[in-house]
Each structure stands twice: as structure tokens, then as C-alpha cells.
Amino acid sequence: MNREEKHEVVSALQVKMQEYGNFYIADTSSLSVEKINGIRRKCFESGIEMQVAKNTLIRKAIEGLDGDASEIFVALKGQSALLFSTVGNGPAKLIKALRKGSDKPQLKAAYIDSTVFVGDNQLDTLVSLKSREELIGDIIGLLQSPAKNVISALQSGGNKIAGIVKTLQEREG
């Protein structure tokens, strides 16, 4: 691979990193071609894009990102597969599901909305992360709950007031 080709790969990786906003680095070494193709198929079904690249090219792409993501550099050893997703916990859930049969793929690191997670021990934390849409849904639910209670109280109170007024009218009449 010549210098120009390497520059193209780095540029393409940077575009994907910025476009998706989330990426995971996983270790898929010692997996057969059949298993890797199975992982690629599951990634496609889950809306996750998988790409294998050299660690030096991944490093250069990360260096070009806004903010400091240098903590990831310790994870760039051995074979690295990048998993790009718009949903922060999507690749973590996929990795966890894939590991039911074996210990691979291993999570090396993850970059989620400018936050860096390093090490396979972070997998459970990443699985439990809520997506942006889930958080917005939770907030809307919390905001709607008091409003519904107020409206319900006003409606039931209105019925009581109408009943009291009717009773007073009947007494006068």
C-alpha cells in the first residue's frame, strides 16, 4: 500500500468516525473466515458497519478527530476490527450476543460521543448505556407524568364542583 492509498484509508476512516459518532475496536484474531463472515452478516442486520484496518491507520484517523481520544491508542495492538454505529450501545449488545458461543470477539476499546472506554471489562457498562432516543423518551415520559396528574385532578375536580353546584341549585329550587 503506497502513501496515497494509506491517506485515502485514513480519510475514509475519519469520515466514518465523524459520521457515525460511535465506534468500537474489537479483536477478531484467531476467528475463522466463516465466523468473521457470520459477524459481518449480523453487523449488517443490526445496522452496524464493520471494517478491518491496520492499527497505524486507525491511530492516524483517531488523531484527526476533535478532542483527545489518545486513551484508545493502548488498545491498538494485534488485529483490529472497527464497528461503526449510530446507536452507542448497538455494537456492545452485538458483541455480547456473539460471545455466547466463544470468548471472541473481544472488546479492545470504544469511542461513544467523545467518551473513551478501554478494555473488555467495559462491555457490561456499554451494553447498559441508553441511546439518545431512549433518554429523550424517558425525559418526555417524566415531563408528561405530572401534567397528566394535574389534568386528571382538574377533570375530576370539575365533576365534583358541577355536582356541588347542581345540589345547591336543587336546594334553592
C-alpha atoms as a PDB file:
ATOM      1  CA  MET A   1       0.000   0.000   0.000  1.00  0.00           C
ATOM      2  CA  ASN A   2       1.543   3.298  -1.041  1.00  0.00           C
ATOM      3  CA  ARG A   3       1.330   6.616   0.796  1.00  0.00           C
ATOM      4  CA  GLU A   4      -1.611   7.891  -1.257  1.00  0.00           C
ATOM      5  CA  GLU A   5      -3.669   4.741  -0.609  1.00  0.00           C
ATOM      6  CA  LYS A   6      -2.920   4.977   3.106  1.00  0.00           C
ATOM      7  CA  HIS A   7      -4.042   8.617   3.130  1.00  0.00           C
ATOM      8  CA  GLU A   8      -7.318   7.608   1.401  1.00  0.00           C
ATOM      9  CA  VAL A   9      -7.961   4.902   4.013  1.00  0.00           C
ATOM     10  CA  VAL A  10      -7.262   7.330   6.885  1.00  0.00           C
ATOM     11  CA  SER A  11      -9.574   9.935   5.340  1.00  0.00           C
ATOM     12  CA  ALA A  12     -12.340   7.363   4.841  1.00  0.00           C
ATOM     13  CA  LEU A  13     -11.997   6.189   8.459  1.00  0.00           C
ATOM     14  CA  GLN A  14     -12.165   9.774   9.749  1.00  0.00           C
ATOM     15  CA  VAL A  15     -15.313  10.429   7.724  1.00  0.00           C
ATOM     16  CA  LYS A  16     -16.965   7.303   9.161  1.00  0.00           C
ATOM     17  CA  MET A  17     -15.877   8.165  12.702  1.00  0.00           C
ATOM     18  CA  GLN A  18     -17.385  11.624  12.409  1.00  0.00           C
ATOM     19  CA  GLU A  19     -20.491  10.440  10.534  1.00  0.00           C
ATOM     20  CA  TYR A  20     -21.406   7.687  12.992  1.00  0.00           C
ATOM     21  CA  GLY A  21     -20.112   9.369  16.163  1.00  0.00           C
ATOM     22  CA  ASN A  22     -19.578   5.950  17.785  1.00  0.00           C
ATOM     23  CA  PHE A  23     -17.105   3.209  17.017  1.00  0.00           C
ATOM     24  CA  TYR A  24     -15.798   0.112  18.728  1.00  0.00           C
ATOM     25  CA  ILE A  25     -12.462  -1.595  18.257  1.00  0.00           C
ATOM     26  CA  ALA A  26     -12.696  -5.363  18.624  1.00  0.00           C
ATOM     27  CA  ASP A  27     -10.210  -8.215  18.484  1.00  0.00           C
ATOM     28  CA  THR A  28     -11.299 -10.841  15.965  1.00  0.00           C
ATOM     29  CA  SER A  29      -7.958 -12.646  15.707  1.00  0.00           C
ATOM     30  CA  SER A  30      -8.000 -16.438  15.663  1.00  0.00           C
ATOM     31  CA  LEU A  31     -11.558 -16.497  14.277  1.00  0.00           C
ATOM     32  CA  SER A  32     -12.149 -18.457  11.111  1.00  0.00           C
ATOM     33  CA  VAL A  33     -13.224 -16.728   7.904  1.00  0.00           C
ATOM     34  CA  GLU A  34     -16.622 -18.379   8.305  1.00  0.00           C
ATOM     35  CA  LYS A  35     -17.101 -16.872  11.780  1.00  0.00           C
ATOM     36  CA  ILE A  36     -15.931 -13.422  10.650  1.00  0.00           C
ATOM     37  CA  ASN A  37     -18.382 -13.559   7.735  1.00  0.00           C
ATOM     38  CA  GLY A  38     -21.096 -14.503  10.246  1.00  0.00           C
ATOM     39  CA  ILE A  39     -20.154 -11.467  12.350  1.00  0.00           C
ATOM     40  CA  ARG A  40     -20.297  -9.250   9.256  1.00  0.00           C
ATOM     41  CA  ARG A  41     -23.772 -10.624   8.443  1.00  0.00           C
ATOM     42  CA  LYS A  42     -25.025  -9.919  11.970  1.00  0.00           C
ATOM     43  CA  CYS A  43     -23.493  -6.438  11.835  1.00  0.00           C
ATOM     44  CA  PHE A  44     -25.342  -5.744   8.593  1.00  0.00           C
ATOM     45  CA  GLU A  45     -28.617  -6.978  10.112  1.00  0.00           C
ATOM     46  CA  SER A  46     -28.078  -4.700  13.139  1.00  0.00           C
ATOM     47  CA  GLY A  47     -27.190  -1.587  11.140  1.00  0.00           C
ATOM     48  CA  ILE A  48     -23.542  -1.737  12.189  1.00  0.00           C
ATOM     49  CA  GLU A  49     -20.713  -1.325   9.708  1.00  0.00           C
ATOM     50  CA  MET A  50     -17.616  -3.464  10.218  1.00  0.00           C
ATOM     51  CA  GLN A  51     -14.210  -2.644   8.749  1.00  0.00           C
ATOM     52  CA  VAL A  52     -10.773  -4.102   9.337  1.00  0.00           C
ATOM     53  CA  ALA A  53      -7.799  -1.727   9.117  1.00  0.00           C
ATOM     54  CA  LYS A  54      -4.190  -1.532  10.214  1.00  0.00           C
ATOM     55  CA  ASN A  55      -3.632  -0.126  13.682  1.00  0.00           C
ATOM     56  CA  THR A  56      -1.345   2.657  12.443  1.00  0.00           C
ATOM     57  CA  LEU A  57      -4.057   3.867  10.048  1.00  0.00           C
ATOM     58  CA  ILE A  58      -6.699   3.694  12.784  1.00  0.00           C
ATOM     59  CA  ARG A  59      -4.400   5.699  15.039  1.00  0.00           C
ATOM     60  CA  LYS A  60      -3.904   8.416  12.405  1.00  0.00           C
ATOM     61  CA  ALA A  61      -7.667   8.610  11.848  1.00  0.00           C
ATOM     62  CA  ILE A  62      -8.299   8.963  15.600  1.00  0.00           C
ATOM     63  CA  GLU A  63      -5.626  11.662  15.868  1.00  0.00           C
ATOM     64  CA  GLY A  64      -7.621  13.674  13.326  1.00  0.00           C
ATOM     65  CA  LEU A  65     -10.779  13.648  15.468  1.00  0.00           C
ATOM     66  CA  ASP A  66     -11.882  16.623  17.540  1.00  0.00           C
ATOM     67  CA  GLY A  67     -10.984  16.203  21.211  1.00  0.00           C
ATOM     68  CA  ASP A  68      -8.471  13.916  22.863  1.00  0.00           C
ATOM     69  CA  ALA A  69      -9.009  10.213  22.254  1.00  0.00           C
ATOM     70  CA  SER A  70      -5.398   9.174  22.859  1.00  0.00           C
ATOM     71  CA  GLU A  71      -6.514   6.731  25.585  1.00  0.00           C
ATOM     72  CA  ILE A  72      -7.584   4.378  22.779  1.00  0.00           C
ATOM     73  CA  PHE A  73      -4.035   4.045  21.474  1.00  0.00           C
ATOM     74  CA  VAL A  74      -3.136   1.416  24.110  1.00  0.00           C
ATOM     75  CA  ALA A  75      -5.787  -0.865  22.571  1.00  0.00           C
ATOM     76  CA  LEU A  76      -4.296  -0.707  19.087  1.00  0.00           C
ATOM     77  CA  LYS A  77      -2.323  -3.940  19.196  1.00  0.00           C
ATOM     78  CA  GLY A  78      -2.862  -7.113  17.227  1.00  0.00           C
ATOM     79  CA  GLN A  79      -5.711  -7.472  14.741  1.00  0.00           C
ATOM     80  CA  SER A  80      -8.358  -4.740  14.987  1.00  0.00           C
ATOM     81  CA  ALA A  81     -11.860  -4.628  13.558  1.00  0.00           C
ATOM     82  CA  LEU A  82     -13.803  -1.375  13.694  1.00  0.00           C
ATOM     83  CA  LEU A  83     -17.548  -1.443  14.331  1.00  0.00           C
ATOM     84  CA  PHE A  84     -19.333   1.797  13.395  1.00  0.00           C
ATOM     85  CA  SER A  85     -22.835   2.534  14.672  1.00  0.00           C
ATOM     86  CA  THR A  86     -25.182   5.473  15.169  1.00  0.00           C
ATOM     87  CA  VAL A  87     -26.501   3.780  18.322  1.00  0.00           C
ATOM     88  CA  GLY A  88     -23.954   3.895  21.143  1.00  0.00           C
ATOM     89  CA  ASN A  89     -24.760   0.531  22.707  1.00  0.00           C
ATOM     90  CA  GLY A  90     -25.539  -1.373  19.470  1.00  0.00           C
ATOM     91  CA  PRO A  91     -22.093  -2.910  18.922  1.00  0.00           C
ATOM     92  CA  ALA A  92     -21.781  -3.769  22.640  1.00  0.00           C
ATOM     93  CA  LYS A  93     -25.039  -5.719  22.519  1.00  0.00           C
ATOM     94  CA  LEU A  94     -23.884  -7.467  19.345  1.00  0.00           C
ATOM     95  CA  ILE A  95     -20.501  -8.405  20.842  1.00  0.00           C
ATOM     96  CA  LYS A  96     -22.212  -9.734  23.971  1.00  0.00           C
ATOM     97  CA  ALA A  97     -24.598 -11.824  21.846  1.00  0.00           C
ATOM     98  CA  LEU A  98     -21.732 -13.179  19.714  1.00  0.00           C
ATOM     99  CA  ARG A  99     -19.756 -14.192  22.796  1.00  0.00           C
ATOM    100  CA  LYS A 100     -22.358 -16.673  23.994  1.00  0.00           C
ATOM    101  CA  GLY A 101     -20.615 -19.351  21.921  1.00  0.00           C
ATOM    102  CA  SER A 102     -16.970 -18.321  22.416  1.00  0.00           C
ATOM    103  CA  ASP A 103     -14.737 -15.702  24.010  1.00  0.00           C
ATOM    104  CA  LYS A 104     -14.294 -13.741  20.751  1.00  0.00           C
ATOM    105  CA  PRO A 105     -14.708 -11.034  19.625  1.00  0.00           C
ATOM    106  CA  GLN A 106     -13.029  -9.218  22.499  1.00  0.00           C
ATOM    107  CA  LEU A 107     -13.720  -5.540  23.077  1.00  0.00           C
ATOM    108  CA  LYS A 108     -10.499  -3.537  22.927  1.00  0.00           C
ATOM    109  CA  ALA A 109     -11.941  -0.025  23.153  1.00  0.00           C
ATOM    110  CA  ALA A 110     -14.971   2.092  22.336  1.00  0.00           C
ATOM    111  CA  TYR A 111     -15.475   5.738  21.440  1.00  0.00           C
ATOM    112  CA  ILE A 112     -19.005   6.936  22.157  1.00  0.00           C
ATOM    113  CA  ASP A 113     -19.887  10.605  21.727  1.00  0.00           C
ATOM    114  CA  SER A 114     -16.316  11.695  22.585  1.00  0.00           C
ATOM    115  CA  THR A 115     -16.089   9.383  25.624  1.00  0.00           C
ATOM    116  CA  VAL A 116     -13.464   6.639  25.566  1.00  0.00           C
ATOM    117  CA  PHE A 117     -13.906   3.189  27.113  1.00  0.00           C
ATOM    118  CA  VAL A 118     -10.885   0.873  27.148  1.00  0.00           C
ATOM    119  CA  GLY A 119     -10.867  -2.835  27.876  1.00  0.00           C
ATOM    120  CA  ASP A 120     -13.167  -5.821  27.621  1.00  0.00           C
ATOM    121  CA  ASN A 121     -14.295  -5.274  31.224  1.00  0.00           C
ATOM    122  CA  GLN A 122     -16.268  -2.214  29.973  1.00  0.00           C
ATOM    123  CA  LEU A 123     -18.630  -4.369  27.880  1.00  0.00           C
ATOM    124  CA  ASP A 124     -21.396  -4.625  30.507  1.00  0.00           C
ATOM    125  CA  THR A 125     -21.257  -0.860  31.077  1.00  0.00           C
ATOM    126  CA  LEU A 126     -21.569  -0.233  27.354  1.00  0.00           C
ATOM    127  CA  VAL A 127     -24.478  -2.667  26.983  1.00  0.00           C
ATOM    128  CA  SER A 128     -26.404  -0.823  29.704  1.00  0.00           C
ATOM    129  CA  LEU A 129     -25.906   2.605  28.086  1.00  0.00           C
ATOM    130  CA  LYS A 130     -29.125   4.098  26.806  1.00  0.00           C
ATOM    131  CA  SER A 131     -29.315   5.503  23.318  1.00  0.00           C
ATOM    132  CA  ARG A 132     -30.092   9.157  22.756  1.00  0.00           C
ATOM    133  CA  GLU A 133     -33.634   8.276  21.654  1.00  0.00           C
ATOM    134  CA  GLU A 134     -34.222   6.182  24.794  1.00  0.00           C
ATOM    135  CA  LEU A 135     -33.037   9.050  27.020  1.00  0.00           C
ATOM    136  CA  ILE A 136     -35.282  11.552  25.239  1.00  0.00           C
ATOM    137  CA  GLY A 137     -38.211   9.146  25.631  1.00  0.00           C
ATOM    138  CA  ASP A 138     -37.520   8.806  29.364  1.00  0.00           C
ATOM    139  CA  ILE A 139     -37.376  12.588  29.803  1.00  0.00           C
ATOM    140  CA  ILE A 140     -40.620  13.116  27.873  1.00  0.00           C
ATOM    141  CA  GLY A 141     -42.297  10.423  29.969  1.00  0.00           C
ATOM    142  CA  LEU A 142     -41.136  12.118  33.170  1.00  0.00           C
ATOM    143  CA  LEU A 143     -42.325  15.512  31.979  1.00  0.00           C
ATOM    144  CA  GLN A 144     -45.724  14.202  30.857  1.00  0.00           C
ATOM    145  CA  SER A 145     -46.452  12.388  34.109  1.00  0.00           C
ATOM    146  CA  PRO A 146     -47.028  15.489  36.317  1.00  0.00           C
ATOM    147  CA  ALA A 147     -49.030  17.190  33.559  1.00  0.00           C
ATOM    148  CA  LYS A 148     -51.307  14.149  33.275  1.00  0.00           C
ATOM    149  CA  ASN A 149     -51.824  14.160  37.054  1.00  0.00           C
ATOM    150  CA  VAL A 150     -52.775  17.867  37.047  1.00  0.00           C
ATOM    151  CA  ILE A 151     -55.191  17.412  34.131  1.00  0.00           C
ATOM    152  CA  SER A 152     -56.749  14.378  35.810  1.00  0.00           C
ATOM    153  CA  ALA A 153     -57.171  16.257  39.089  1.00  0.00           C
ATOM    154  CA  LEU A 154     -58.759  19.223  37.312  1.00  0.00           C
ATOM    155  CA  GLN A 155     -61.145  16.983  35.406  1.00  0.00           C
ATOM    156  CA  SER A 156     -62.232  15.065  38.474  1.00  0.00           C
ATOM    157  CA  GLY A 157     -62.439  18.306  40.479  1.00  0.00           C
ATOM    158  CA  GLY A 158     -64.618  19.845  37.779  1.00  0.00           C
ATOM    159  CA  ASN A 159     -67.080  16.989  38.114  1.00  0.00           C
ATOM    160  CA  LYS A 160     -67.204  17.482  41.885  1.00  0.00           C
ATOM    161  CA  ILE A 161     -67.762  21.226  41.541  1.00  0.00           C
ATOM    162  CA  ALA A 162     -70.531  20.656  38.993  1.00  0.00           C
ATOM    163  CA  GLY A 163     -72.168  18.197  41.383  1.00  0.00           C
ATOM    164  CA  ILE A 164     -71.977  20.664  44.284  1.00  0.00           C
ATOM    165  CA  VAL A 165     -73.445  23.492  42.161  1.00  0.00           C
ATOM    166  CA  LYS A 166     -76.272  21.223  40.992  1.00  0.00           C
ATOM    167  CA  THR A 167     -77.051  20.190  44.583  1.00  0.00           C
ATOM    168  CA  LEU A 168     -77.096  23.838  45.725  1.00  0.00           C
ATOM    169  CA  GLN A 169     -79.442  24.736  42.849  1.00  0.00           C
ATOM    170  CA  GLU A 170     -81.808  21.941  43.802  1.00  0.00           C
ATOM    171  CA  ARG A 171     -81.858  23.090  47.435  1.00  0.00           C
ATOM    172  CA  GLU A 172     -82.721  26.638  46.408  1.00  0.00           C
ATOM    173  CA  GLY A 173     -85.362  25.430  43.980  1.00  0.00           C
END
